[in-house]
């Protein structure tokens, strides 16, 4: 008799996985919301940074001077379909710093020439490369000219031929 009773008993039901799935979805939603709130500055925002940015007036066109950099022609390495890179740019600076930046122009040319010659062909031919290259060149120019002298690097020509 004990054998038949054991056979007729129904197996126990498995626990539902729905609470686990709902908990996981809610945790991911909360983590995403917390990341966005922190990233956008709603919580733990840097108020000093925002106040300083609002306190400094935006540069008007009268507060800007441009220093032209002589065109550079860089020969590319052999695996490239293109043989040369023609590069021309201007440095955005303040009128007060313009003379100082012009004095340092040979060093700026040397840094840019060295940097562009050291690049791989794949780095130059990548469609999104110009933004990255511009940032790298601006950083190098700012190191050469000193802090606060060069605000931006404006690329006038970037031609592969």
C-alpha atoms as a PDB file:
ATOM      1  CA  UNK A   1       0.000   0.000   0.000  1.00  0.00           C
ATOM      2  CA  UNK A   2       2.779   2.379   0.690  1.00  0.00           C
ATOM      3  CA  UNK A   3       4.011   1.937  -2.865  1.00  0.00           C
ATOM      4  CA  UNK A   4       0.730   3.054  -4.416  1.00  0.00           C
ATOM      5  CA  UNK A   5       0.425   6.067  -2.175  1.00  0.00           C
ATOM      6  CA  UNK A   6       3.843   7.325  -3.213  1.00  0.00           C
ATOM      7  CA  UNK A   7       3.007   6.941  -6.891  1.00  0.00           C
ATOM      8  CA  UNK A   8      -0.254   8.843  -6.648  1.00  0.00           C
ATOM      9  CA  UNK A   9       1.261  11.857  -4.936  1.00  0.00           C
ATOM     10  CA  UNK A  10       1.730  14.788  -7.297  1.00  0.00           C
ATOM     11  CA  UNK A  11       5.225  16.125  -7.689  1.00  0.00           C
ATOM     12  CA  UNK A  12       5.805  19.468  -5.938  1.00  0.00           C
ATOM     13  CA  UNK A  13       5.375  22.598  -8.090  1.00  0.00           C
ATOM     14  CA  UNK A  14       8.499  24.455  -9.138  1.00  0.00           C
ATOM     15  CA  UNK A  15       8.827  27.973  -7.837  1.00  0.00           C
ATOM     16  CA  UNK A  16       7.930  30.733 -10.301  1.00  0.00           C
ATOM     17  CA  UNK A  17      10.785  32.749 -11.813  1.00  0.00           C
ATOM     18  CA  UNK A  18       8.614  35.837 -12.283  1.00  0.00           C
ATOM     19  CA  UNK A  19       9.733  37.581  -9.033  1.00  0.00           C
ATOM     20  CA  UNK A  20      13.367  37.073 -10.026  1.00  0.00           C
ATOM     21  CA  UNK A  21      12.793  38.545 -13.494  1.00  0.00           C
ATOM     22  CA  UNK A  22      10.838  41.513 -12.122  1.00  0.00           C
ATOM     23  CA  UNK A  23      13.530  42.178  -9.518  1.00  0.00           C
ATOM     24  CA  UNK A  24      16.222  42.114 -12.199  1.00  0.00           C
ATOM     25  CA  UNK A  25      14.280  44.494 -14.470  1.00  0.00           C
ATOM     26  CA  UNK A  26      13.640  46.891 -11.589  1.00  0.00           C
ATOM     27  CA  UNK A  27      17.319  46.796 -10.533  1.00  0.00           C
ATOM     28  CA  UNK A  28      18.494  47.573 -14.086  1.00  0.00           C
ATOM     29  CA  UNK A  29      15.969  50.394 -14.409  1.00  0.00           C
ATOM     30  CA  UNK A  30      17.065  51.885 -11.085  1.00  0.00           C
ATOM     31  CA  UNK A  31      20.745  51.596 -12.004  1.00  0.00           C
ATOM     32  CA  UNK A  32      20.123  53.269 -15.376  1.00  0.00           C
ATOM     33  CA  UNK A  33      18.141  56.071 -13.745  1.00  0.00           C
ATOM     34  CA  UNK A  34      20.830  56.590 -11.115  1.00  0.00           C
ATOM     35  CA  UNK A  35      23.558  56.712 -13.763  1.00  0.00           C
ATOM     36  CA  UNK A  36      21.640  59.268 -15.815  1.00  0.00           C
ATOM     37  CA  UNK A  37      20.874  61.435 -12.778  1.00  0.00           C
ATOM     38  CA  UNK A  38      24.541  61.483 -11.774  1.00  0.00           C
ATOM     39  CA  UNK A  39      25.836  61.944 -15.325  1.00  0.00           C
ATOM     40  CA  UNK A  40      23.480  64.826 -16.107  1.00  0.00           C
ATOM     41  CA  UNK A  41      24.318  66.555 -12.814  1.00  0.00           C
ATOM     42  CA  UNK A  42      20.893  66.276 -11.181  1.00  0.00           C
ATOM     43  CA  UNK A  43      22.530  64.661  -8.155  1.00  0.00           C
ATOM     44  CA  UNK A  44      26.131  65.044  -7.029  1.00  0.00           C
ATOM     45  CA  UNK A  45      26.471  67.768  -9.653  1.00  0.00           C
ATOM     46  CA  UNK A  46      29.523  70.001  -9.730  1.00  0.00           C
ATOM     47  CA  UNK A  47      27.877  73.335  -8.896  1.00  0.00           C
ATOM     48  CA  UNK A  48      31.231  75.122  -8.759  1.00  0.00           C
ATOM     49  CA  UNK A  49      31.930  74.092 -12.356  1.00  0.00           C
ATOM     50  CA  UNK A  50      28.536  75.340 -13.549  1.00  0.00           C
ATOM     51  CA  UNK A  51      28.885  78.613 -11.623  1.00  0.00           C
ATOM     52  CA  UNK A  52      32.352  79.229 -13.047  1.00  0.00           C
ATOM     53  CA  UNK A  53      31.145  78.498 -16.572  1.00  0.00           C
ATOM     54  CA  UNK A  54      28.254  80.927 -16.178  1.00  0.00           C
ATOM     55  CA  UNK A  55      30.466  83.606 -14.618  1.00  0.00           C
ATOM     56  CA  UNK A  56      32.936  83.714 -17.506  1.00  0.00           C
ATOM     57  CA  UNK A  57      31.517  85.567 -20.471  1.00  0.00           C
ATOM     58  CA  UNK A  58      31.526  83.861 -23.825  1.00  0.00           C
ATOM     59  CA  UNK A  59      34.265  84.996 -26.171  1.00  0.00           C
ATOM     60  CA  UNK A  60      32.920  87.324 -28.801  1.00  0.00           C
ATOM     61  CA  UNK A  61      34.375  87.596 -32.261  1.00  0.00           C
ATOM     62  CA  UNK A  62      36.260  90.753 -31.205  1.00  0.00           C
ATOM     63  CA  UNK A  63      38.102  88.837 -28.453  1.00  0.00           C
ATOM     64  CA  UNK A  64      39.552  86.298 -30.904  1.00  0.00           C
ATOM     65  CA  UNK A  65      42.672  86.398 -33.042  1.00  0.00           C
ATOM     66  CA  UNK A  66      43.848  83.781 -35.513  1.00  0.00           C
ATOM     67  CA  UNK A  67      47.399  82.706 -36.233  1.00  0.00           C
ATOM     68  CA  UNK A  68      47.842  80.911 -39.546  1.00  0.00           C
ATOM     69  CA  UNK A  69      50.051  77.848 -39.666  1.00  0.00           C
ATOM     70  CA  UNK A  70      51.984  77.337 -42.884  1.00  0.00           C
ATOM     71  CA  UNK A  71      50.666  74.410 -44.957  1.00  0.00           C
ATOM     72  CA  UNK A  72      52.299  71.060 -44.254  1.00  0.00           C
ATOM     73  CA  UNK A  73      52.716  68.310 -46.845  1.00  0.00           C
ATOM     74  CA  UNK A  74      53.353  64.958 -45.216  1.00  0.00           C
ATOM     75  CA  UNK A  75      54.468  61.930 -47.239  1.00  0.00           C
ATOM     76  CA  UNK A  76      52.625  58.787 -46.197  1.00  0.00           C
ATOM     77  CA  UNK A  77      54.038  55.305 -45.769  1.00  0.00           C
ATOM     78  CA  UNK A  78      53.935  52.889 -48.752  1.00  0.00           C
ATOM     79  CA  UNK A  79      50.968  50.615 -47.888  1.00  0.00           C
ATOM     80  CA  UNK A  80      48.626  53.557 -48.438  1.00  0.00           C
ATOM     81  CA  UNK A  81      46.712  54.246 -51.648  1.00  0.00           C
ATOM     82  CA  UNK A  82      47.382  57.943 -51.036  1.00  0.00           C
ATOM     83  CA  UNK A  83      50.906  59.317 -51.145  1.00  0.00           C
ATOM     84  CA  UNK A  84      50.606  62.703 -49.427  1.00  0.00           C
ATOM     85  CA  UNK A  85      48.621  64.517 -46.760  1.00  0.00           C
ATOM     86  CA  UNK A  86      48.177  68.247 -47.211  1.00  0.00           C
ATOM     87  CA  UNK A  87      47.384  69.949 -43.916  1.00  0.00           C
ATOM     88  CA  UNK A  88      46.636  73.613 -43.235  1.00  0.00           C
ATOM     89  CA  UNK A  89      45.269  75.051 -39.994  1.00  0.00           C
ATOM     90  CA  UNK A  90      44.867  78.177 -37.886  1.00  0.00           C
ATOM     91  CA  UNK A  91      45.212  78.644 -34.153  1.00  0.00           C
ATOM     92  CA  UNK A  92      42.491  80.535 -32.293  1.00  0.00           C
ATOM     93  CA  UNK A  93      43.961  82.733 -29.582  1.00  0.00           C
ATOM     94  CA  UNK A  94      43.298  85.996 -27.778  1.00  0.00           C
ATOM     95  CA  UNK A  95      44.671  89.259 -29.194  1.00  0.00           C
ATOM     96  CA  UNK A  96      46.922  89.566 -26.123  1.00  0.00           C
ATOM     97  CA  UNK A  97      48.517  86.167 -26.787  1.00  0.00           C
ATOM     98  CA  UNK A  98      48.771  86.475 -30.561  1.00  0.00           C
ATOM     99  CA  UNK A  99      52.334  87.850 -30.655  1.00  0.00           C
ATOM    100  CA  UNK A 100      53.570  85.213 -28.214  1.00  0.00           C
ATOM    101  CA  UNK A 101      51.973  82.402 -30.219  1.00  0.00           C
ATOM    102  CA  UNK A 102      53.478  83.768 -33.451  1.00  0.00           C
ATOM    103  CA  UNK A 103      56.943  83.689 -31.842  1.00  0.00           C
ATOM    104  CA  UNK A 104      56.423  79.996 -30.988  1.00  0.00           C
ATOM    105  CA  UNK A 105      55.120  79.090 -34.450  1.00  0.00           C
ATOM    106  CA  UNK A 106      58.290  77.175 -35.499  1.00  0.00           C
ATOM    107  CA  UNK A 107      57.913  74.917 -32.444  1.00  0.00           C
ATOM    108  CA  UNK A 108      54.218  74.437 -33.206  1.00  0.00           C
ATOM    109  CA  UNK A 109      55.058  73.468 -36.803  1.00  0.00           C
ATOM    110  CA  UNK A 110      57.661  71.002 -35.551  1.00  0.00           C
ATOM    111  CA  UNK A 111      55.229  69.357 -33.135  1.00  0.00           C
ATOM    112  CA  UNK A 112      52.473  69.064 -35.743  1.00  0.00           C
ATOM    113  CA  UNK A 113      54.851  67.793 -38.411  1.00  0.00           C
ATOM    114  CA  UNK A 114      56.309  65.169 -36.054  1.00  0.00           C
ATOM    115  CA  UNK A 115      52.865  64.058 -34.923  1.00  0.00           C
ATOM    116  CA  UNK A 116      51.417  63.746 -38.427  1.00  0.00           C
ATOM    117  CA  UNK A 117      54.453  61.824 -39.703  1.00  0.00           C
ATOM    118  CA  UNK A 118      54.188  59.337 -36.835  1.00  0.00           C
ATOM    119  CA  UNK A 119      50.583  58.441 -37.631  1.00  0.00           C
ATOM    120  CA  UNK A 120      49.624  55.168 -39.224  1.00  0.00           C
ATOM    121  CA  UNK A 121      47.788  55.305 -42.540  1.00  0.00           C
ATOM    122  CA  UNK A 122      44.741  53.612 -41.002  1.00  0.00           C
ATOM    123  CA  UNK A 123      44.530  56.415 -38.411  1.00  0.00           C
ATOM    124  CA  UNK A 124      44.295  59.043 -41.132  1.00  0.00           C
ATOM    125  CA  UNK A 125      41.927  57.209 -43.484  1.00  0.00           C
ATOM    126  CA  UNK A 126      39.343  56.432 -40.782  1.00  0.00           C
ATOM    127  CA  UNK A 127      36.221  58.599 -41.353  1.00  0.00           C
ATOM    128  CA  UNK A 128      36.016  59.624 -37.696  1.00  0.00           C
ATOM    129  CA  UNK A 129      39.751  60.314 -37.431  1.00  0.00           C
ATOM    130  CA  UNK A 130      39.648  64.058 -38.013  1.00  0.00           C
ATOM    131  CA  UNK A 131      37.983  64.834 -34.679  1.00  0.00           C
ATOM    132  CA  UNK A 132      40.422  62.667 -32.748  1.00  0.00           C
ATOM    133  CA  UNK A 133      43.447  64.004 -34.640  1.00  0.00           C
ATOM    134  CA  UNK A 134      42.303  67.581 -34.093  1.00  0.00           C
ATOM    135  CA  UNK A 135      42.040  67.025 -30.331  1.00  0.00           C
ATOM    136  CA  UNK A 136      45.483  65.394 -30.218  1.00  0.00           C
ATOM    137  CA  UNK A 137      47.082  68.214 -32.205  1.00  0.00           C
ATOM    138  CA  UNK A 138      45.378  70.900 -30.102  1.00  0.00           C
ATOM    139  CA  UNK A 139      46.694  69.290 -26.927  1.00  0.00           C
ATOM    140  CA  UNK A 140      50.229  69.213 -28.308  1.00  0.00           C
ATOM    141  CA  UNK A 141      50.020  72.843 -29.419  1.00  0.00           C
ATOM    142  CA  UNK A 142      48.744  73.885 -25.986  1.00  0.00           C
ATOM    143  CA  UNK A 143      51.685  72.134 -24.345  1.00  0.00           C
ATOM    144  CA  UNK A 144      54.127  74.002 -26.594  1.00  0.00           C
ATOM    145  CA  UNK A 145      52.509  77.444 -26.267  1.00  0.00           C
ATOM    146  CA  UNK A 146      51.625  77.229 -22.590  1.00  0.00           C
ATOM    147  CA  UNK A 147      48.319  77.247 -20.766  1.00  0.00           C
ATOM    148  CA  UNK A 148      45.682  79.713 -21.878  1.00  0.00           C
ATOM    149  CA  UNK A 149      47.340  80.941 -25.076  1.00  0.00           C
ATOM    150  CA  UNK A 150      45.635  78.740 -27.711  1.00  0.00           C
ATOM    151  CA  UNK A 151      41.892  78.147 -27.420  1.00  0.00           C
ATOM    152  CA  UNK A 152      41.292  76.030 -30.513  1.00  0.00           C
ATOM    153  CA  UNK A 153      42.839  74.512 -33.602  1.00  0.00           C
ATOM    154  CA  UNK A 154      40.856  75.147 -36.764  1.00  0.00           C
ATOM    155  CA  UNK A 155      41.594  72.783 -39.630  1.00  0.00           C
ATOM    156  CA  UNK A 156      41.380  74.560 -42.966  1.00  0.00           C
ATOM    157  CA  UNK A 157      42.630  71.728 -45.207  1.00  0.00           C
ATOM    158  CA  UNK A 158      43.066  68.019 -44.623  1.00  0.00           C
ATOM    159  CA  UNK A 159      43.521  66.457 -48.042  1.00  0.00           C
ATOM    160  CA  UNK A 160      44.811  62.991 -48.871  1.00  0.00           C
ATOM    161  CA  UNK A 161      46.110  62.588 -52.435  1.00  0.00           C
END
